[in-house]
Amino acid sequence: MLEIIEKYADEHKVPIINEEGLDFLFECIKQYNVKSIFELGSAIGYSALRMSIFDPQLKIVTVEKDEERYELAVKYLEMFDKHHQIKLFLADALQFETNQKFDMMFLDLAKSKYQVVLDRFYDNLNAGGIVVVDNLGMHGLVFKEQLKVRRQVRQLVEKIKAFREAIIKDDRFEVKLFDDVGDGVALLIKKGV
């Protein structure tokens, strides 16, 4: 049944995490003994479903602001009977409220919102918890000196570069960058007891 979601994503140009990115997530879940995940940017629910299949004990809260994608995610969760494990919300991450604490946050929403969302939900991450941030390479554009792209793309690349620099300097986290994984991934480990 996963093929149905993958086919839809391909045909409708919905970005979903690739296998290499998933393998990275799965390894993080195992290595850091993750039991609860807060995903910001559900899209059509693919990564949440894959994580829930990987570990049926995981509890996942995921937020999506696009109504059409949210409705598809609801449909796919029903197909897999995952409503007991995944709580899906239709909301903008910048307005979403929760008091819940999580072992892991997975940021896969609008790249320009990464820093705001990281700051907004910092207190929802358990000490020693991790944040996985996807798409920090922007298809290799972040690493190019000269960009011959549209102004809008150039501005987004600059925002990603600024975010990368900010997290490296952020003393709240131990930061590891994996530019060779998927489209560039960051792992942030929250300091503290």
N, C-alpha and C. Protein backbone atom coordinates (compact mmCIF):
# COMPACT_ATOMS: atom_id res chain seq x y z
N MET A 1 0.82 -1.21 0.00
CA MET A 1 0.00 0.00 0.00
C MET A 1 0.85 1.27 0.00
N LEU A 2 2.08 1.18 0.50
CA LEU A 2 2.95 2.35 0.48
C LEU A 2 3.18 2.85 -0.94
N GLU A 3 3.15 1.91 -1.89
CA GLU A 3 3.36 2.27 -3.29
C GLU A 3 2.30 3.26 -3.78
N ILE A 4 1.10 3.15 -3.25
CA ILE A 4 0.01 4.07 -3.62
C ILE A 4 0.40 5.50 -3.24
N ILE A 5 0.93 5.66 -2.03
CA ILE A 5 1.33 6.99 -1.56
C ILE A 5 2.52 7.50 -2.36
N GLU A 6 3.48 6.63 -2.58
CA GLU A 6 4.68 7.02 -3.33
C GLU A 6 4.31 7.44 -4.75
N LYS A 7 3.39 6.70 -5.37
CA LYS A 7 2.95 7.02 -6.73
C LYS A 7 2.24 8.37 -6.76
N TYR A 8 1.35 8.59 -5.78
CA TYR A 8 0.64 9.86 -5.71
C TYR A 8 1.63 11.01 -5.56
N ALA A 9 2.59 10.85 -4.65
CA ALA A 9 3.58 11.90 -4.41
C ALA A 9 4.36 12.20 -5.69
N ASP A 10 4.75 11.17 -6.40
CA ASP A 10 5.50 11.35 -7.63
C ASP A 10 4.66 12.07 -8.69
N GLU A 11 3.43 11.62 -8.87
CA GLU A 11 2.57 12.19 -9.91
C GLU A 11 2.14 13.62 -9.61
N HIS A 12 2.00 13.95 -8.32
CA HIS A 12 1.51 15.28 -7.94
C HIS A 12 2.61 16.18 -7.38
N LYS A 13 3.84 15.75 -7.54
CA LYS A 13 5.00 16.55 -7.11
C LYS A 13 4.93 16.95 -5.64
N VAL A 14 4.51 16.01 -4.80
CA VAL A 14 4.50 16.21 -3.35
C VAL A 14 5.84 15.68 -2.83
N PRO A 15 6.66 16.53 -2.23
CA PRO A 15 7.94 16.05 -1.76
C PRO A 15 7.77 15.13 -0.54
N ILE A 16 8.31 13.92 -0.66
CA ILE A 16 8.32 13.00 0.47
C ILE A 16 9.77 12.59 0.71
N ILE A 17 10.04 12.15 1.91
CA ILE A 17 11.39 11.77 2.29
C ILE A 17 11.84 10.54 1.48
N ASN A 18 13.11 10.54 1.09
CA ASN A 18 13.62 9.40 0.31
C ASN A 18 14.11 8.29 1.26
N GLU A 19 14.46 7.16 0.68
CA GLU A 19 14.87 6.00 1.49
C GLU A 19 16.09 6.29 2.35
N GLU A 20 17.04 7.02 1.80
CA GLU A 20 18.23 7.34 2.57
C GLU A 20 17.89 8.20 3.79
N GLY A 21 17.00 9.17 3.60
CA GLY A 21 16.54 9.99 4.71
C GLY A 21 15.78 9.18 5.74
N LEU A 22 14.96 8.24 5.26
CA LEU A 22 14.23 7.36 6.17
C LEU A 22 15.17 6.50 6.98
N ASP A 23 16.17 5.92 6.32
CA ASP A 23 17.15 5.10 7.04
C ASP A 23 17.83 5.91 8.14
N PHE A 24 18.12 7.18 7.84
CA PHE A 24 18.73 8.07 8.84
C PHE A 24 17.76 8.26 10.02
N LEU A 25 16.50 8.52 9.73
CA LEU A 25 15.50 8.67 10.80
C LEU A 25 15.40 7.41 11.64
N PHE A 26 15.33 6.26 10.98
CA PHE A 26 15.21 5.00 11.71
C PHE A 26 16.41 4.78 12.62
N GLU A 27 17.60 5.09 12.12
CA GLU A 27 18.82 4.93 12.93
C GLU A 27 18.78 5.85 14.14
N CYS A 28 18.31 7.08 13.95
CA CYS A 28 18.19 8.02 15.07
C CYS A 28 17.18 7.53 16.10
N ILE A 29 16.07 7.01 15.63
CA ILE A 29 15.04 6.48 16.53
C ILE A 29 15.61 5.38 17.40
N LYS A 30 16.37 4.48 16.78
CA LYS A 30 17.00 3.38 17.53
C LYS A 30 18.08 3.89 18.47
N GLN A 31 19.01 4.66 17.93
CA GLN A 31 20.17 5.09 18.70
C GLN A 31 19.81 5.94 19.91
N TYR A 32 18.80 6.80 19.77
CA TYR A 32 18.43 7.72 20.85
C TYR A 32 17.19 7.25 21.62
N ASN A 33 16.79 6.01 21.40
CA ASN A 33 15.69 5.40 22.15
C ASN A 33 14.43 6.27 22.12
N VAL A 34 14.07 6.71 20.94
CA VAL A 34 12.93 7.61 20.76
C VAL A 34 11.61 6.85 20.93
N LYS A 35 10.72 7.42 21.73
CA LYS A 35 9.40 6.83 21.95
C LYS A 35 8.28 7.76 21.49
N SER A 36 8.60 9.06 21.38
CA SER A 36 7.58 10.03 20.96
C SER A 36 8.20 11.02 19.98
N ILE A 37 7.43 11.32 18.93
CA ILE A 37 7.92 12.18 17.85
C ILE A 37 6.91 13.29 17.57
N PHE A 38 7.44 14.49 17.37
CA PHE A 38 6.65 15.65 16.97
C PHE A 38 7.14 16.03 15.57
N GLU A 39 6.31 15.77 14.57
CA GLU A 39 6.67 16.07 13.19
C GLU A 39 5.96 17.35 12.76
N LEU A 40 6.74 18.28 12.25
CA LEU A 40 6.18 19.54 11.78
C LEU A 40 6.32 19.56 10.27
N GLY A 41 5.18 19.38 9.60
CA GLY A 41 5.14 19.25 8.15
C GLY A 41 4.82 17.83 7.76
N SER A 42 3.56 17.45 7.86
CA SER A 42 3.13 16.07 7.56
C SER A 42 3.10 15.77 6.08
N ALA A 43 2.79 16.80 5.29
CA ALA A 43 2.46 16.62 3.87
C ALA A 43 1.34 15.58 3.79
N ILE A 44 1.56 14.46 3.10
CA ILE A 44 0.49 13.46 2.94
C ILE A 44 0.66 12.29 3.92
N GLY A 45 1.50 12.49 4.95
CA GLY A 45 1.61 11.51 6.02
C GLY A 45 2.62 10.39 5.81
N TYR A 46 3.39 10.48 4.75
CA TYR A 46 4.28 9.38 4.38
C TYR A 46 5.35 9.10 5.43
N SER A 47 6.08 10.12 5.87
CA SER A 47 7.16 9.86 6.83
C SER A 47 6.61 9.40 8.17
N ALA A 48 5.49 9.96 8.62
CA ALA A 48 4.88 9.50 9.87
C ALA A 48 4.48 8.03 9.76
N LEU A 49 3.87 7.66 8.64
CA LEU A 49 3.50 6.26 8.43
C LEU A 49 4.72 5.35 8.45
N ARG A 50 5.75 5.75 7.73
CA ARG A 50 6.95 4.92 7.66
C ARG A 50 7.59 4.75 9.05
N MET A 51 7.63 5.84 9.84
CA MET A 51 8.19 5.74 11.19
C MET A 51 7.33 4.84 12.07
N SER A 52 6.01 4.94 11.91
CA SER A 52 5.11 4.11 12.73
C SER A 52 5.21 2.64 12.37
N ILE A 53 5.46 2.35 11.11
CA ILE A 53 5.65 0.97 10.68
C ILE A 53 6.99 0.44 11.20
N PHE A 54 8.01 1.30 11.15
CA PHE A 54 9.33 0.92 11.64
C PHE A 54 9.28 0.53 13.12
N ASP A 55 8.56 1.32 13.93
CA ASP A 55 8.44 1.03 15.36
C ASP A 55 6.98 1.22 15.79
N PRO A 56 6.23 0.12 15.89
CA PRO A 56 4.81 0.21 16.26
C PRO A 56 4.54 0.75 17.66
N GLN A 57 5.59 0.94 18.47
CA GLN A 57 5.41 1.49 19.81
C GLN A 57 5.52 3.03 19.83
N LEU A 58 6.00 3.60 18.74
CA LEU A 58 6.14 5.06 18.68
C LEU A 58 4.79 5.75 18.79
N LYS A 59 4.82 6.91 19.44
CA LYS A 59 3.66 7.80 19.45
C LYS A 59 4.07 9.06 18.66
N ILE A 60 3.28 9.41 17.66
CA ILE A 60 3.65 10.49 16.76
C ILE A 60 2.54 11.54 16.72
N VAL A 61 2.94 12.79 16.89
CA VAL A 61 2.04 13.93 16.68
C VAL A 61 2.58 14.64 15.45
N THR A 62 1.72 14.89 14.48
CA THR A 62 2.18 15.52 13.25
C THR A 62 1.20 16.62 12.83
N VAL A 63 1.76 17.69 12.29
CA VAL A 63 0.99 18.89 11.97
C VAL A 63 1.18 19.25 10.49
N GLU A 64 0.07 19.52 9.83
CA GLU A 64 0.11 19.93 8.42
C GLU A 64 -0.86 21.09 8.22
N LYS A 65 -0.43 22.13 7.52
CA LYS A 65 -1.31 23.29 7.33
C LYS A 65 -2.09 23.27 6.02
N ASP A 66 -1.64 22.50 5.05
CA ASP A 66 -2.34 22.43 3.76
C ASP A 66 -3.51 21.45 3.88
N GLU A 67 -4.73 21.96 3.67
CA GLU A 67 -5.93 21.15 3.90
C GLU A 67 -6.02 19.95 2.97
N GLU A 68 -5.66 20.13 1.71
CA GLU A 68 -5.73 19.01 0.76
C GLU A 68 -4.76 17.89 1.15
N ARG A 69 -3.55 18.28 1.51
CA ARG A 69 -2.56 17.27 1.94
C ARG A 69 -2.98 16.62 3.24
N TYR A 70 -3.52 17.42 4.16
CA TYR A 70 -4.02 16.89 5.43
C TYR A 70 -5.09 15.82 5.19
N GLU A 71 -6.06 16.12 4.31
CA GLU A 71 -7.14 15.15 4.02
C GLU A 71 -6.58 13.86 3.45
N LEU A 72 -5.59 13.96 2.58
CA LEU A 72 -4.96 12.75 2.04
C LEU A 72 -4.25 11.98 3.14
N ALA A 73 -3.55 12.69 4.03
CA ALA A 73 -2.86 12.02 5.14
C ALA A 73 -3.86 11.28 6.01
N VAL A 74 -5.01 11.89 6.29
CA VAL A 74 -6.06 11.23 7.08
C VAL A 74 -6.49 9.93 6.39
N LYS A 75 -6.70 10.01 5.09
CA LYS A 75 -7.10 8.83 4.30
C LYS A 75 -6.05 7.72 4.39
N TYR A 76 -4.79 8.09 4.25
CA TYR A 76 -3.72 7.09 4.29
C TYR A 76 -3.57 6.49 5.69
N LEU A 77 -3.74 7.31 6.73
CA LEU A 77 -3.69 6.77 8.09
C LEU A 77 -4.79 5.74 8.30
N GLU A 78 -5.97 6.02 7.75
CA GLU A 78 -7.08 5.07 7.86
C GLU A 78 -6.77 3.78 7.11
N MET A 79 -6.15 3.89 5.94
CA MET A 79 -5.78 2.70 5.17
C MET A 79 -4.86 1.78 5.97
N PHE A 80 -3.97 2.38 6.75
CA PHE A 80 -3.00 1.63 7.53
C PHE A 80 -3.45 1.40 8.98
N ASP A 81 -4.63 1.91 9.33
CA ASP A 81 -5.17 1.79 10.68
C ASP A 81 -4.15 2.27 11.72
N LYS A 82 -3.70 3.51 11.55
CA LYS A 82 -2.64 4.05 12.41
C LYS A 82 -3.11 5.20 13.30
N HIS A 83 -4.44 5.39 13.42
CA HIS A 83 -4.93 6.51 14.23
C HIS A 83 -4.60 6.38 15.71
N HIS A 84 -4.39 5.16 16.18
CA HIS A 84 -4.03 4.97 17.59
C HIS A 84 -2.58 5.38 17.85
N GLN A 85 -1.77 5.40 16.81
CA GLN A 85 -0.35 5.68 16.95
C GLN A 85 0.05 7.07 16.48
N ILE A 86 -0.68 7.60 15.51
CA ILE A 86 -0.36 8.90 14.91
C ILE A 86 -1.54 9.85 15.12
N LYS A 87 -1.25 10.98 15.73
CA LYS A 87 -2.26 12.04 15.89
C LYS A 87 -1.92 13.14 14.90
N LEU A 88 -2.83 13.36 13.96
CA LEU A 88 -2.61 14.30 12.86
C LEU A 88 -3.48 15.54 13.09
N PHE A 89 -2.86 16.72 12.95
CA PHE A 89 -3.57 17.97 13.16
C PHE A 89 -3.48 18.85 11.92
N LEU A 90 -4.60 19.48 11.58
CA LEU A 90 -4.63 20.47 10.52
C LEU A 90 -4.38 21.82 11.19
N ALA A 91 -3.17 22.34 11.03
CA ALA A 91 -2.83 23.60 11.69
C ALA A 91 -1.52 24.12 11.10
N ASP A 92 -1.36 25.42 11.23
CA ASP A 92 -0.08 26.05 10.91
C ASP A 92 0.81 25.85 12.13
N ALA A 93 2.03 25.37 11.92
CA ALA A 93 2.95 25.12 13.04
C ALA A 93 3.19 26.38 13.86
N LEU A 94 3.06 27.55 13.24
CA LEU A 94 3.31 28.79 13.96
C LEU A 94 2.16 29.17 14.91
N GLN A 95 1.01 28.50 14.75
CA GLN A 95 -0.11 28.74 15.66
C GLN A 95 -0.43 27.52 16.53
N PHE A 96 0.12 26.38 16.20
CA PHE A 96 -0.19 25.14 16.92
C PHE A 96 0.30 25.23 18.37
N GLU A 97 -0.53 24.72 19.28
CA GLU A 97 -0.21 24.72 20.71
C GLU A 97 -0.19 23.29 21.24
N THR A 98 0.83 22.98 22.02
CA THR A 98 0.87 21.69 22.72
C THR A 98 1.73 21.83 23.96
N ASN A 99 1.34 21.11 25.01
CA ASN A 99 2.15 21.04 26.23
C ASN A 99 2.93 19.74 26.29
N GLN A 100 2.72 18.89 25.32
CA GLN A 100 3.33 17.56 25.31
C GLN A 100 4.85 17.67 25.14
N LYS A 101 5.56 16.73 25.74
CA LYS A 101 7.02 16.64 25.59
C LYS A 101 7.32 15.48 24.65
N PHE A 102 8.40 15.64 23.88
CA PHE A 102 8.78 14.65 22.87
C PHE A 102 10.25 14.30 22.97
N ASP A 103 10.56 13.08 22.53
CA ASP A 103 11.95 12.63 22.45
C ASP A 103 12.60 13.12 21.16
N MET A 104 11.77 13.37 20.14
CA MET A 104 12.32 13.77 18.85
C MET A 104 11.37 14.73 18.15
N MET A 105 11.95 15.74 17.49
CA MET A 105 11.19 16.59 16.58
C MET A 105 11.77 16.38 15.19
N PHE A 106 10.88 16.30 14.22
CA PHE A 106 11.30 16.16 12.83
C PHE A 106 10.77 17.37 12.07
N LEU A 107 11.68 18.23 11.61
CA LEU A 107 11.29 19.44 10.90
C LEU A 107 11.37 19.19 9.41
N ASP A 108 10.22 19.26 8.77
CA ASP A 108 10.15 19.06 7.33
C ASP A 108 9.03 19.93 6.75
N LEU A 109 9.04 21.18 7.15
CA LEU A 109 8.04 22.14 6.68
C LEU A 109 8.75 23.20 5.84
N ALA A 110 8.11 24.34 5.66
CA ALA A 110 8.73 25.42 4.88
C ALA A 110 10.08 25.76 5.48
N LYS A 111 11.11 25.70 4.66
CA LYS A 111 12.49 25.85 5.13
C LYS A 111 12.70 27.21 5.80
N SER A 112 12.00 28.23 5.35
CA SER A 112 12.15 29.56 5.92
C SER A 112 11.59 29.63 7.35
N LYS A 113 10.85 28.61 7.78
CA LYS A 113 10.24 28.60 9.13
C LYS A 113 11.04 27.77 10.14
N TYR A 114 12.11 27.13 9.70
CA TYR A 114 12.85 26.22 10.59
C TYR A 114 13.25 26.87 11.92
N GLN A 115 13.88 28.04 11.86
CA GLN A 115 14.37 28.66 13.10
C GLN A 115 13.23 29.04 14.03
N VAL A 116 12.18 29.63 13.47
CA VAL A 116 11.03 30.05 14.28
C VAL A 116 10.40 28.84 14.98
N VAL A 117 10.23 27.76 14.24
CA VAL A 117 9.60 26.57 14.80
C VAL A 117 10.52 25.91 15.84
N LEU A 118 11.80 25.87 15.55
CA LEU A 118 12.76 25.29 16.51
C LEU A 118 12.70 26.06 17.84
N ASP A 119 12.68 27.37 17.77
CA ASP A 119 12.59 28.18 18.99
C ASP A 119 11.23 28.02 19.68
N ARG A 120 10.19 28.01 18.88
CA ARG A 120 8.83 27.93 19.43
C ARG A 120 8.59 26.64 20.22
N PHE A 121 9.13 25.53 19.74
CA PHE A 121 8.87 24.24 20.39
C PHE A 121 10.07 23.67 21.14
N TYR A 122 11.07 24.50 21.39
CA TYR A 122 12.26 24.05 22.12
C TYR A 122 11.89 23.40 23.46
N ASP A 123 11.00 24.02 24.21
CA ASP A 123 10.62 23.51 25.53
C ASP A 123 9.80 22.22 25.46
N ASN A 124 9.30 21.87 24.27
CA ASN A 124 8.55 20.62 24.10
C ASN A 124 9.47 19.43 23.85
N LEU A 125 10.75 19.69 23.76
CA LEU A 125 11.73 18.63 23.52
C LEU A 125 12.36 18.24 24.84
N ASN A 126 12.33 16.95 25.15
CA ASN A 126 12.95 16.45 26.37
C ASN A 126 14.45 16.71 26.35
N ALA A 127 15.05 16.88 27.53
CA ALA A 127 16.50 17.00 27.62
C ALA A 127 17.11 15.73 27.04
N GLY A 128 18.13 15.89 26.22
CA GLY A 128 18.72 14.73 25.54
C GLY A 128 17.95 14.33 24.31
N GLY A 129 16.82 15.00 24.07
CA GLY A 129 16.02 14.73 22.88
C GLY A 129 16.71 15.24 21.63
N ILE A 130 16.22 14.81 20.50
CA ILE A 130 16.87 15.16 19.24
C ILE A 130 15.90 15.88 18.30
N VAL A 131 16.51 16.66 17.42
CA VAL A 131 15.78 17.31 16.34
C VAL A 131 16.45 16.87 15.04
N VAL A 132 15.66 16.36 14.12
CA VAL A 132 16.17 16.02 12.80
C VAL A 132 15.58 17.03 11.83
N VAL A 133 16.47 17.69 11.08
CA VAL A 133 16.05 18.72 10.13
C VAL A 133 16.40 18.24 8.74
N ASP A 134 15.40 18.19 7.87
CA ASP A 134 15.60 17.68 6.52
C ASP A 134 15.79 18.82 5.53
N ASN A 135 16.34 18.49 4.37
CA ASN A 135 16.46 19.40 3.22
C ASN A 135 17.36 20.60 3.45
N LEU A 136 18.50 20.40 4.10
CA LEU A 136 19.41 21.52 4.34
C LEU A 136 20.43 21.70 3.22
N GLY A 137 20.34 20.89 2.18
CA GLY A 137 21.24 21.05 1.03
C GLY A 137 20.57 21.75 -0.13
N MET A 138 19.24 21.77 -0.12
CA MET A 138 18.46 22.41 -1.20
C MET A 138 18.97 21.96 -2.56
N HIS A 139 19.00 20.63 -2.73
CA HIS A 139 19.42 20.00 -3.99
C HIS A 139 20.83 20.44 -4.40
N GLY A 140 21.70 20.64 -3.41
CA GLY A 140 23.09 21.01 -3.68
C GLY A 140 23.32 22.51 -3.84
N LEU A 141 22.25 23.29 -3.90
CA LEU A 141 22.40 24.72 -4.14
C LEU A 141 23.08 25.45 -2.98
N VAL A 142 22.91 24.94 -1.77
CA VAL A 142 23.49 25.58 -0.59
C VAL A 142 25.02 25.57 -0.66
N PHE A 143 25.59 24.63 -1.39
CA PHE A 143 27.05 24.48 -1.43
C PHE A 143 27.69 25.14 -2.65
N LYS A 144 26.90 25.77 -3.49
CA LYS A 144 27.44 26.41 -4.69
C LYS A 144 27.79 27.87 -4.41
N GLU A 145 28.91 28.29 -4.97
CA GLU A 145 29.35 29.69 -4.82
C GLU A 145 28.48 30.63 -5.66
N GLN A 146 28.33 30.30 -6.92
CA GLN A 146 27.56 31.13 -7.86
C GLN A 146 26.23 30.45 -8.16
N LEU A 147 25.15 31.16 -7.93
CA LEU A 147 23.83 30.61 -8.20
C LEU A 147 23.20 31.31 -9.40
N LYS A 148 22.84 30.52 -10.38
CA LYS A 148 22.13 31.05 -11.55
C LYS A 148 20.70 30.50 -11.47
N VAL A 149 19.96 31.03 -10.51
CA VAL A 149 18.58 30.58 -10.27
C VAL A 149 17.70 31.81 -10.06
N ARG A 150 16.40 31.57 -10.03
CA ARG A 150 15.45 32.66 -9.78
C ARG A 150 15.72 33.31 -8.42
N ARG A 151 15.34 34.55 -8.32
CA ARG A 151 15.55 35.33 -7.09
C ARG A 151 14.91 34.63 -5.88
N GLN A 152 13.71 34.11 -6.05
CA GLN A 152 13.00 33.44 -4.96
C GLN A 152 13.79 32.23 -4.44
N VAL A 153 14.36 31.45 -5.35
CA VAL A 153 15.16 30.28 -4.97
C VAL A 153 16.43 30.75 -4.26
N ARG A 154 17.06 31.80 -4.78
CA ARG A 154 18.28 32.33 -4.17
C ARG A 154 18.00 32.80 -2.74
N GLN A 155 16.85 33.44 -2.53
CA GLN A 155 16.49 33.91 -1.19
C GLN A 155 16.28 32.73 -0.23
N LEU A 156 15.66 31.67 -0.72
CA LEU A 156 15.46 30.48 0.11
C LEU A 156 16.80 29.83 0.47
N VAL A 157 17.69 29.76 -0.50
CA VAL A 157 19.03 29.20 -0.25
C VAL A 157 19.73 30.03 0.83
N GLU A 158 19.61 31.35 0.76
CA GLU A 158 20.24 32.22 1.76
C GLU A 158 19.64 31.97 3.15
N LYS A 159 18.33 31.74 3.22
CA LYS A 159 17.68 31.46 4.52
C LYS A 159 18.18 30.13 5.09
N ILE A 160 18.35 29.14 4.23
CA ILE A 160 18.86 27.83 4.70
C ILE A 160 20.30 27.99 5.18
N LYS A 161 21.11 28.74 4.45
CA LYS A 161 22.49 28.98 4.88
C LYS A 161 22.50 29.67 6.25
N ALA A 162 21.65 30.67 6.42
CA ALA A 162 21.58 31.39 7.69
C ALA A 162 21.14 30.46 8.82
N PHE A 163 20.19 29.58 8.55
CA PHE A 163 19.74 28.62 9.56
C PHE A 163 20.87 27.68 9.93
N ARG A 164 21.58 27.17 8.93
CA ARG A 164 22.72 26.27 9.19
C ARG A 164 23.74 26.95 10.10
N GLU A 165 24.06 28.20 9.80
CA GLU A 165 25.03 28.93 10.62
C GLU A 165 24.50 29.15 12.03
N ALA A 166 23.21 29.45 12.15
CA ALA A 166 22.60 29.70 13.46
C ALA A 166 22.62 28.45 14.34
N ILE A 167 22.30 27.28 13.76
CA ILE A 167 22.27 26.09 14.61
C ILE A 167 23.67 25.66 15.03
N ILE A 168 24.65 25.90 14.18
CA ILE A 168 26.03 25.57 14.54
C ILE A 168 26.47 26.38 15.76
N LYS A 169 25.98 27.62 15.86
CA LYS A 169 26.35 28.50 16.98
C LYS A 169 25.42 28.36 18.18
N ASP A 170 24.34 27.61 18.04
CA ASP A 170 23.32 27.50 19.09
C ASP A 170 23.82 26.59 20.21
N ASP A 171 24.14 27.17 21.36
CA ASP A 171 24.72 26.37 22.44
C ASP A 171 23.68 25.54 23.20
N ARG A 172 22.43 25.58 22.78
CA ARG A 172 21.42 24.71 23.39
C ARG A 172 21.52 23.28 22.89
N PHE A 173 22.25 23.11 21.76
CA PHE A 173 22.32 21.81 21.09
C PHE A 173 23.75 21.41 20.76
N GLU A 174 23.96 20.11 20.73
CA GLU A 174 25.12 19.56 20.04
C GLU A 174 24.62 19.31 18.62
N VAL A 175 25.35 19.81 17.63
CA VAL A 175 24.86 19.78 16.25
C VAL A 175 25.78 18.94 15.37
N LYS A 176 25.16 18.08 14.58
CA LYS A 176 25.88 17.28 13.60
C LYS A 176 25.22 17.47 12.24
N LEU A 177 26.01 17.86 11.24
CA LEU A 177 25.49 18.04 9.89
C LEU A 177 25.89 16.84 9.04
N PHE A 178 24.94 16.34 8.27
CA PHE A 178 25.16 15.21 7.37
C PHE A 178 24.78 15.66 5.96
N ASP A 179 25.69 16.35 5.31
CA ASP A 179 25.41 16.91 3.99
C ASP A 179 25.30 15.83 2.93
N ASP A 180 25.82 14.66 3.21
CA ASP A 180 25.80 13.57 2.23
C ASP A 180 24.61 12.63 2.41
N VAL A 181 23.71 12.93 3.33
CA VAL A 181 22.52 12.10 3.55
C VAL A 181 21.32 12.80 2.92
N GLY A 182 20.65 12.09 2.03
CA GLY A 182 19.47 12.65 1.37
C GLY A 182 19.79 13.99 0.74
N ASP A 183 18.99 14.99 1.11
CA ASP A 183 19.21 16.35 0.60
C ASP A 183 19.84 17.22 1.68
N GLY A 184 20.63 16.61 2.54
CA GLY A 184 21.27 17.34 3.63
C GLY A 184 20.41 17.28 4.87
N VAL A 185 20.98 16.73 5.94
CA VAL A 185 20.23 16.54 7.18
C VAL A 185 21.06 17.08 8.34
N ALA A 186 20.39 17.65 9.32
CA ALA A 186 21.05 18.05 10.57
C ALA A 186 20.44 17.26 11.71
N LEU A 187 21.31 16.89 12.64
CA LEU A 187 20.87 16.24 13.88
C LEU A 187 21.27 17.16 15.02
N LEU A 188 20.29 17.61 15.78
CA LEU A 188 20.52 18.48 16.94
C LEU A 188 20.17 17.70 18.18
N ILE A 189 21.08 17.65 19.13
CA ILE A 189 20.85 16.93 20.38
C ILE A 189 20.74 17.96 21.48
N LYS A 190 19.60 17.99 22.16
CA LYS A 190 19.36 19.00 23.19
C LYS A 190 20.23 18.72 24.40
N LYS A 191 20.96 19.75 24.82
CA LYS A 191 21.83 19.63 25.99
C LYS A 191 21.00 19.71 27.26
N GLY A 192 21.55 19.22 28.34
CA GLY A 192 20.87 19.29 29.62
C GLY A 192 20.57 17.91 30.15
N VAL A 193 20.16 17.88 31.40
CA VAL A 193 19.89 16.60 32.06
C VAL A 193 18.45 16.21 31.89
